[in-house]
N, C-alpha and C. Protein backbone atom coordinates (compact mmCIF):
# COMPACT_ATOMS: atom_id res chain seq x y z
N MET A 1 -6.45 4.77 17.63
CA MET A 1 -6.48 4.04 16.33
C MET A 1 -7.38 4.87 15.66
N ALA A 2 -7.06 5.65 14.40
CA ALA A 2 -7.92 6.34 13.78
C ALA A 2 -9.01 5.58 12.76
N ASP A 3 -9.79 5.97 12.33
CA ASP A 3 -10.74 5.31 11.25
C ASP A 3 -10.14 5.35 10.04
N THR A 4 -8.98 5.83 9.79
CA THR A 4 -8.38 5.98 8.38
C THR A 4 -7.08 5.36 8.27
N LEU A 5 -6.64 5.12 7.27
CA LEU A 5 -5.27 4.71 6.99
C LEU A 5 -4.80 5.23 5.94
N THR A 6 -3.41 6.01 6.07
CA THR A 6 -3.11 6.90 5.13
C THR A 6 -1.99 6.02 4.23
N ILE A 7 -2.10 5.98 2.96
CA ILE A 7 -1.17 5.16 2.29
C ILE A 7 -0.47 6.24 1.58
N ILE A 8 0.79 6.14 1.40
CA ILE A 8 2.06 6.69 1.05
C ILE A 8 2.65 5.99 -0.17
N TYR A 9 2.69 6.57 -1.39
CA TYR A 9 3.34 6.05 -2.65
C TYR A 9 4.83 6.92 -2.76
N PHE A 10 5.83 6.23 -3.37
CA PHE A 10 6.96 6.70 -3.75
C PHE A 10 7.49 6.01 -5.13
N ALA A 11 8.36 7.01 -5.64
CA ALA A 11 8.90 6.75 -6.91
C ALA A 11 7.64 6.33 -8.23
N TRP A 12 7.98 5.40 -8.95
CA TRP A 12 7.19 5.05 -10.01
C TRP A 12 5.75 4.89 -9.69
N VAL A 13 5.71 4.44 -8.34
CA VAL A 13 4.30 4.02 -7.79
C VAL A 13 3.50 5.24 -7.69
N LYS A 14 4.17 6.29 -7.18
CA LYS A 14 3.67 7.44 -6.96
C LYS A 14 3.04 8.33 -8.29
N GLU A 15 3.97 8.20 -9.37
CA GLU A 15 3.66 8.57 -10.62
C GLU A 15 2.34 7.90 -11.51
N ARG A 16 2.47 6.52 -11.17
CA ARG A 16 1.06 5.89 -11.67
C ARG A 16 0.04 5.95 -11.03
N ARG A 17 -0.04 6.36 -9.57
CA ARG A 17 -1.08 6.59 -8.91
C ARG A 17 -1.72 7.99 -9.31
N GLY A 18 -0.76 8.87 -9.62
CA GLY A 18 -0.95 10.41 -9.65
C GLY A 18 -1.28 11.19 -8.33
N CYS A 19 -0.89 10.37 -7.49
CA CYS A 19 -0.78 11.15 -5.75
C CYS A 19 0.54 10.77 -5.33
N SER A 20 0.67 11.45 -4.36
CA SER A 20 1.77 10.86 -3.19
C SER A 20 1.22 10.13 -2.18
N GLU A 21 -0.09 10.35 -1.70
CA GLU A 21 -0.50 9.78 -0.58
C GLU A 21 -1.84 10.18 -0.26
N GLU A 22 -2.86 9.16 0.18
CA GLU A 22 -3.99 9.46 0.17
C GLU A 22 -4.76 8.72 1.58
N GLN A 23 -5.72 8.87 2.02
CA GLN A 23 -6.44 8.39 3.07
C GLN A 23 -7.47 7.70 2.65
N ILE A 24 -7.79 6.33 3.19
CA ILE A 24 -8.91 5.47 2.92
C ILE A 24 -9.42 5.09 4.06
N VAL A 25 -10.65 4.49 4.41
CA VAL A 25 -11.21 3.90 5.35
C VAL A 25 -10.45 2.75 5.73
N ARG A 26 -10.11 2.70 7.21
CA ARG A 26 -9.69 1.56 7.47
C ARG A 26 -9.99 0.34 7.43
N PRO A 27 -9.51 -0.54 6.85
CA PRO A 27 -9.91 -1.91 6.32
C PRO A 27 -10.26 -2.65 7.62
N ALA A 28 -11.06 -3.97 7.44
CA ALA A 28 -11.31 -4.73 8.66
C ALA A 28 -10.14 -5.27 9.22
N ALA A 29 -10.19 -5.65 10.74
CA ALA A 29 -9.38 -6.13 11.37
C ALA A 29 -9.04 -7.58 10.54
N GLY A 30 -7.39 -7.84 10.63
CA GLY A 30 -7.01 -8.87 10.03
C GLY A 30 -6.79 -8.85 8.56
N THR A 31 -7.32 -7.79 7.94
CA THR A 31 -6.87 -7.68 6.54
C THR A 31 -5.52 -7.36 6.23
N THR A 32 -5.16 -8.20 5.43
CA THR A 32 -3.62 -8.12 5.10
C THR A 32 -3.30 -7.04 4.07
N VAL A 33 -1.89 -6.66 3.76
CA VAL A 33 -1.55 -5.68 2.66
C VAL A 33 -2.12 -6.34 1.39
N ALA A 34 -2.00 -7.64 0.92
CA ALA A 34 -2.10 -8.19 0.07
C ALA A 34 -3.83 -8.24 -0.34
N GLU A 35 -4.66 -8.16 0.69
CA GLU A 35 -6.01 -8.19 0.61
C GLU A 35 -6.48 -6.75 0.38
N LEU A 36 -5.84 -5.86 1.10
CA LEU A 36 -6.25 -4.44 0.80
C LEU A 36 -5.89 -4.01 -0.74
N LEU A 37 -4.67 -4.57 -1.30
CA LEU A 37 -4.57 -4.09 -2.74
C LEU A 37 -5.09 -4.87 -3.56
N GLN A 38 -5.76 -6.17 -3.39
CA GLN A 38 -6.97 -6.61 -4.04
C GLN A 38 -8.00 -5.76 -4.26
N GLN A 39 -8.75 -5.52 -3.12
CA GLN A 39 -9.66 -4.48 -2.76
C GLN A 39 -9.63 -2.99 -3.59
N LEU A 40 -8.32 -2.67 -3.60
CA LEU A 40 -8.12 -1.31 -4.15
C LEU A 40 -8.05 -1.30 -5.64
N GLN A 41 -7.62 -2.51 -6.11
CA GLN A 41 -7.59 -2.83 -7.73
C GLN A 41 -9.32 -2.86 -8.28
N GLN A 42 -10.01 -2.89 -7.24
CA GLN A 42 -11.42 -3.11 -7.98
C GLN A 42 -12.03 -1.66 -8.12
N HIS A 43 -11.08 -0.61 -7.69
CA HIS A 43 -11.87 1.12 -7.89
C HIS A 43 -11.44 1.67 -9.24
N ASP A 44 -10.35 1.47 -9.53
CA ASP A 44 -9.91 2.17 -10.87
C ASP A 44 -8.68 1.42 -11.55
N ALA A 45 -8.51 1.95 -12.70
CA ALA A 45 -7.39 1.14 -13.65
C ALA A 45 -5.98 1.60 -13.00
N SER A 46 -5.62 2.99 -12.39
CA SER A 46 -4.30 3.25 -11.91
C SER A 46 -4.24 2.29 -10.79
N TYR A 47 -4.94 1.82 -9.96
CA TYR A 47 -4.75 0.82 -9.00
C TYR A 47 -4.36 -0.39 -9.43
N ARG A 48 -4.96 -1.04 -10.78
CA ARG A 48 -4.69 -2.14 -11.24
C ARG A 48 -3.31 -2.09 -11.92
N SER A 49 -2.75 -0.95 -12.29
CA SER A 49 -1.74 -0.95 -12.83
C SER A 49 -0.61 -0.75 -11.97
N VAL A 50 -0.88 -0.21 -11.00
CA VAL A 50 0.28 -0.27 -9.72
C VAL A 50 0.47 -1.77 -9.19
N PHE A 51 -0.77 -2.28 -8.93
CA PHE A 51 -0.74 -3.51 -7.96
C PHE A 51 -0.70 -4.75 -8.94
N ALA A 52 -0.78 -4.82 -10.16
CA ALA A 52 -0.59 -5.78 -11.01
C ALA A 52 0.41 -6.72 -10.52
N ASP A 53 1.62 -6.69 -10.06
CA ASP A 53 2.71 -7.42 -9.76
C ASP A 53 3.18 -6.90 -8.65
N THR A 54 2.87 -7.62 -7.61
CA THR A 54 3.37 -7.11 -6.06
C THR A 54 4.79 -7.25 -5.82
N ALA A 55 5.01 -8.33 -6.58
CA ALA A 55 6.62 -8.88 -6.23
C ALA A 55 7.40 -7.94 -6.56
N LYS A 56 6.94 -6.71 -7.22
CA LYS A 56 7.81 -5.67 -7.65
C LYS A 56 7.82 -4.61 -6.83
N LEU A 57 7.14 -4.80 -5.56
CA LEU A 57 6.73 -3.81 -4.77
C LEU A 57 7.58 -4.07 -3.36
N ARG A 58 7.40 -3.28 -2.37
CA ARG A 58 7.86 -3.36 -1.02
C ARG A 58 6.90 -2.51 -0.22
N PHE A 59 6.64 -3.06 1.00
CA PHE A 59 5.76 -2.49 1.72
C PHE A 59 6.30 -1.94 3.30
N ALA A 60 5.55 -0.89 3.89
CA ALA A 60 5.94 -0.80 5.26
C ALA A 60 4.69 -0.57 6.04
N LEU A 61 4.93 -0.83 7.37
CA LEU A 61 3.42 -0.30 8.04
C LEU A 61 4.22 0.38 9.27
N ASP A 62 3.84 1.46 9.35
CA ASP A 62 4.32 2.66 10.34
C ASP A 62 5.85 2.64 10.54
N GLN A 63 6.40 2.70 9.20
CA GLN A 63 7.73 2.70 8.67
C GLN A 63 8.48 1.51 9.17
N ASN A 64 7.78 0.16 9.24
CA ASN A 64 8.62 -1.16 9.30
C ASN A 64 8.43 -1.94 8.21
N PHE A 65 9.12 -2.48 7.75
CA PHE A 65 9.06 -3.20 6.46
C PHE A 65 8.35 -4.49 6.40
N VAL A 66 7.50 -4.89 5.93
CA VAL A 66 6.49 -5.96 6.18
C VAL A 66 6.29 -6.82 4.76
N GLN A 67 6.07 -7.87 4.76
CA GLN A 67 5.50 -8.72 3.88
C GLN A 67 4.18 -8.42 3.28
N HIS A 68 3.50 -8.94 2.23
CA HIS A 68 2.20 -8.42 1.76
C HIS A 68 1.45 -9.44 2.36
N SER A 69 1.86 -10.19 3.24
CA SER A 69 1.05 -11.17 4.01
C SER A 69 0.63 -10.61 5.37
N GLU A 70 1.21 -9.60 5.69
CA GLU A 70 1.35 -8.94 7.01
C GLU A 70 -0.10 -8.44 7.32
N ALA A 71 -0.77 -8.49 8.33
CA ALA A 71 -2.20 -7.98 8.54
C ALA A 71 -1.90 -6.42 8.96
N ILE A 72 -2.76 -5.49 8.43
CA ILE A 72 -2.79 -4.15 8.76
C ILE A 72 -2.90 -3.75 10.20
N ASP A 73 -4.09 -4.39 10.73
CA ASP A 73 -4.63 -4.38 11.93
C ASP A 73 -4.71 -2.74 12.39
N ASP A 74 -3.71 -2.34 13.30
CA ASP A 74 -3.74 -0.83 13.75
C ASP A 74 -2.96 0.31 13.31
N ALA A 75 -2.24 -0.44 12.46
CA ALA A 75 -1.20 0.56 11.61
C ALA A 75 -1.91 2.06 11.13
N ASP A 76 -1.23 3.03 11.37
CA ASP A 76 -1.73 4.20 10.74
C ASP A 76 -1.47 4.65 9.49
N GLU A 77 -0.24 3.95 9.22
CA GLU A 77 0.26 4.50 7.53
C GLU A 77 0.83 3.02 7.10
N LEU A 78 0.58 3.10 5.64
CA LEU A 78 0.97 1.97 4.66
C LEU A 78 1.76 2.85 3.61
N ALA A 79 3.23 2.42 3.46
CA ALA A 79 3.95 2.75 2.42
C ALA A 79 4.21 1.71 1.54
N ILE A 80 4.10 2.49 0.12
CA ILE A 80 4.33 1.32 -1.02
C ILE A 80 5.31 1.92 -1.95
N PHE A 81 6.29 1.10 -2.11
CA PHE A 81 7.36 1.58 -3.07
C PHE A 81 8.04 0.44 -3.65
N PRO A 82 9.05 0.69 -4.92
CA PRO A 82 9.74 -0.20 -5.67
C PRO A 82 10.82 -0.49 -4.44
N PRO A 83 11.48 -1.84 -4.95
CA PRO A 83 12.81 -2.02 -4.33
C PRO A 83 13.90 -1.10 -4.18
N VAL A 84 14.44 -0.97 -3.03
CA VAL A 84 15.61 0.15 -3.25
C VAL A 84 16.84 -0.44 -3.25
N THR A 85 17.59 0.01 -4.23
CA THR A 85 18.97 -0.37 -4.32
C THR A 85 20.11 0.20 -3.78
N GLY A 86 21.16 -0.23 -3.70
CA GLY A 86 22.13 0.64 -3.19
C GLY A 86 23.26 0.93 -4.35
N GLY A 87 24.37 1.44 -3.69
CA GLY A 87 25.43 1.63 -4.65
C GLY A 87 26.43 2.31 -4.01
């Protein structure tokens, strides 16, 4: 388990954040995706803009879809993206 967590952003999430990915210090054990997003929103306005309505976002930990209530624990990667539609 690394001491960092890589966050990868897609589509409009990437545009609003101004980057496609970043590495952060791994959150404490038991921290959920929702709790991490709340912590990040305290950093700057771009986080608040992106994470203001998490119902408009989807999440994956180590390439497995999860709910925002999922604990991050030993995951190496958190992907954040808008809902995917088919056609």
